[in-house]
Amino acid sequence: MELKRSHRNHFPLAFLVVGIDRFQSTVGRLPPHQRSRVGAQILGQINDTIREIDLAAAEGPDRFHVCLPQTDPDGARLVAERLRERLPRVASGIDFTVSVGLASFEGSGSAPAFTGMLGEAYARLEHGQALGGDRVVSSAVPMARGHG
């Protein structure tokens, strides 16, 4: 729905997929009740970081979706970097990092299908994780932690 609204009103839209890096060897090794608590803490921190008009949801124990209406690629990258920095601090005593895949629509031209944007964000997340994680990937060339 947000993608259609963005296209109709010529507003930018960004979509993030946040993933816990090396989930099985970090958060995934915890008992189920602790894993659930960490997931809830991560989703809570995401909601504390984004605006009221933005939407966030858990897609699984290690993946979270964030829809950023009226957000251009630069603004989305700032949000993604904030999440990358803040999320690992939500669970004390558990050492993990996150990566973020970012896809965006500028608000003009042909609107991509939602599944296309989601697939693009997932591909970028997986690319960042394959490069070692702890990064935001918003284009074909990811920026390593602490850069850009």
Protein backbone atom coordinates (compact mmCIF):
# COMPACT_ATOMS: atom_id res chain seq x y z
CA MET A 1 0.00 0.00 0.00
CA GLU A 2 2.80 2.46 0.88
CA LEU A 3 4.48 1.81 -2.48
CA LYS A 4 1.27 2.65 -4.36
CA ARG A 5 0.77 5.78 -2.26
CA SER A 6 4.38 6.82 -2.86
CA HIS A 7 4.00 6.41 -6.61
CA ARG A 8 0.62 8.17 -6.72
CA ASN A 9 1.87 11.17 -4.67
CA HIS A 10 5.42 11.21 -6.11
CA PHE A 11 7.03 10.72 -2.71
CA PRO A 12 10.18 8.67 -2.16
CA LEU A 13 9.98 5.42 -0.25
CA ALA A 14 12.68 3.23 1.23
CA PHE A 15 12.59 -0.32 2.49
CA LEU A 16 15.12 -1.89 4.86
CA VAL A 17 15.74 -5.50 5.74
CA VAL A 18 17.73 -5.75 8.96
CA GLY A 19 19.45 -9.05 9.68
CA ILE A 20 21.38 -10.37 12.65
CA ASP A 21 24.81 -11.42 11.39
CA ARG A 22 25.92 -14.99 12.12
CA PHE A 23 22.61 -15.62 13.86
CA GLN A 24 23.17 -19.33 14.56
CA SER A 25 26.43 -18.73 16.41
CA THR A 26 25.22 -15.70 18.37
CA VAL A 27 21.55 -15.12 19.21
CA GLY A 28 20.47 -18.45 17.72
CA ARG A 29 22.38 -20.39 20.37
CA LEU A 30 20.22 -18.95 23.16
CA PRO A 31 17.26 -20.83 24.64
CA PRO A 32 13.98 -20.01 22.81
CA HIS A 33 12.63 -17.69 25.52
CA GLN A 34 15.84 -15.60 25.49
CA ARG A 35 15.87 -15.52 21.67
CA SER A 36 12.30 -14.23 21.73
CA ARG A 37 13.22 -11.58 24.29
CA VAL A 38 16.17 -10.39 22.18
CA GLY A 39 13.93 -10.25 19.10
CA ALA A 40 11.38 -8.17 21.00
CA GLN A 41 14.15 -5.85 22.27
CA ILE A 42 15.47 -5.41 18.73
CA LEU A 43 12.01 -4.62 17.36
CA GLY A 44 11.45 -2.19 20.24
CA GLN A 45 14.72 -0.39 19.48
CA ILE A 46 13.80 -0.22 15.79
CA ASN A 47 10.46 1.37 16.71
CA ASP A 48 12.22 3.80 19.07
CA THR A 49 14.59 4.81 16.25
CA ILE A 50 12.09 5.33 13.41
CA ARG A 51 9.38 7.96 13.00
CA GLU A 52 5.68 7.46 13.76
CA ILE A 53 4.83 7.23 10.05
CA ASP A 54 7.38 4.45 9.50
CA LEU A 55 6.48 0.78 9.86
CA ALA A 56 8.53 -2.06 11.35
CA ALA A 57 7.85 -5.77 11.72
CA ALA A 58 9.74 -8.91 12.63
CA GLU A 59 9.89 -11.35 9.73
CA GLY A 60 11.57 -14.08 11.76
CA PRO A 61 13.96 -14.48 14.64
CA ASP A 62 16.82 -12.88 12.69
CA ARG A 63 15.10 -10.58 10.15
CA PHE A 64 13.21 -7.32 10.51
CA HIS A 65 11.50 -5.20 7.85
CA VAL A 66 11.30 -1.41 8.00
CA CYS A 67 9.23 0.70 5.60
CA LEU A 68 10.21 4.38 5.44
CA PRO A 69 7.60 6.44 3.56
CA GLN A 70 8.63 9.88 2.32
CA THR A 71 12.28 9.01 2.81
CA ASP A 72 14.90 9.44 0.11
CA PRO A 73 17.90 7.10 -0.20
CA ASP A 74 20.18 9.39 1.82
CA GLY A 75 17.68 9.63 4.68
CA ALA A 76 17.13 5.88 4.60
CA ARG A 77 20.86 5.27 4.78
CA LEU A 78 21.08 7.46 7.90
CA VAL A 79 18.30 5.45 9.55
CA ALA A 80 19.99 2.19 8.50
CA GLU A 81 23.33 3.30 9.96
CA ARG A 82 21.64 4.33 13.22
CA LEU A 83 20.04 0.89 13.45
CA ARG A 84 23.34 -0.83 12.65
CA GLU A 85 25.00 1.05 15.50
CA ARG A 86 22.20 0.84 18.09
CA LEU A 87 20.72 -2.63 17.74
CA PRO A 88 23.73 -4.62 19.00
CA ARG A 89 23.50 -2.71 22.30
CA VAL A 90 19.95 -3.83 23.17
CA ALA A 91 20.86 -7.21 24.64
CA SER A 92 23.50 -7.01 27.33
CA GLY A 93 25.91 -9.91 27.44
CA ILE A 94 25.16 -11.03 23.88
CA ASP A 95 27.73 -10.05 21.28
CA PHE A 96 26.22 -9.65 17.81
CA THR A 97 26.19 -7.28 14.86
CA VAL A 98 23.57 -6.48 12.25
CA SER A 99 23.63 -5.71 8.58
CA VAL A 100 21.01 -3.78 6.64
CA GLY A 101 19.94 -4.09 3.03
CA LEU A 102 18.30 -0.96 1.60
CA ALA A 103 16.09 -0.56 -1.46
CA SER A 104 14.45 2.71 -2.46
CA PHE A 105 11.99 4.27 -4.88
CA GLU A 106 12.48 7.93 -5.76
CA GLY A 107 8.75 8.60 -6.21
CA SER A 108 8.75 9.22 -9.95
CA GLY A 109 8.84 6.97 -12.96
CA SER A 110 7.56 3.42 -12.92
CA ALA A 111 6.94 2.06 -9.46
CA PRO A 112 8.67 -1.24 -8.78
CA ALA A 113 6.67 -4.18 -7.50
CA PHE A 114 6.79 -4.60 -3.74
CA THR A 115 8.32 -8.05 -4.17
CA GLY A 116 11.01 -6.47 -6.35
CA MET A 117 11.92 -3.93 -3.67
CA LEU A 118 11.86 -6.61 -0.99
CA GLY A 119 14.04 -8.89 -3.11
CA GLU A 120 16.50 -6.07 -3.76
CA ALA A 121 16.76 -5.27 -0.03
CA TYR A 122 17.27 -8.96 0.79
CA ALA A 123 19.94 -9.36 -1.89
CA ARG A 124 21.80 -6.36 -0.51
CA LEU A 125 21.52 -7.66 3.06
CA GLU A 126 22.88 -11.06 2.01
CA HIS A 127 25.70 -9.39 0.08
CA GLY A 128 26.68 -7.37 3.15
CA GLN A 129 26.59 -10.45 5.36
CA ALA A 130 28.71 -12.38 2.85
CA LEU A 131 31.31 -9.60 3.13
CA GLY A 132 31.53 -10.12 6.89
CA GLY A 133 28.46 -8.26 8.15
CA ASP A 134 28.19 -5.15 10.31
CA ARG A 135 27.40 -2.95 7.33
CA VAL A 136 24.69 -1.18 5.36
CA VAL A 137 24.37 -2.01 1.68
CA SER A 138 22.37 0.50 -0.32
CA SER A 139 23.88 -0.08 -3.75
CA ALA A 140 25.99 -2.59 -5.61
CA VAL A 141 29.04 -1.40 -3.65
CA PRO A 142 28.64 -1.73 0.12
CA MET A 143 30.35 0.59 2.51
CA ALA A 144 32.25 -1.09 5.34
CA ARG A 145 31.57 -0.23 8.96
CA GLY A 146 32.53 3.30 9.90
CA HIS A 147 32.57 4.60 6.33
CA GLY A 148 30.02 6.87 4.66
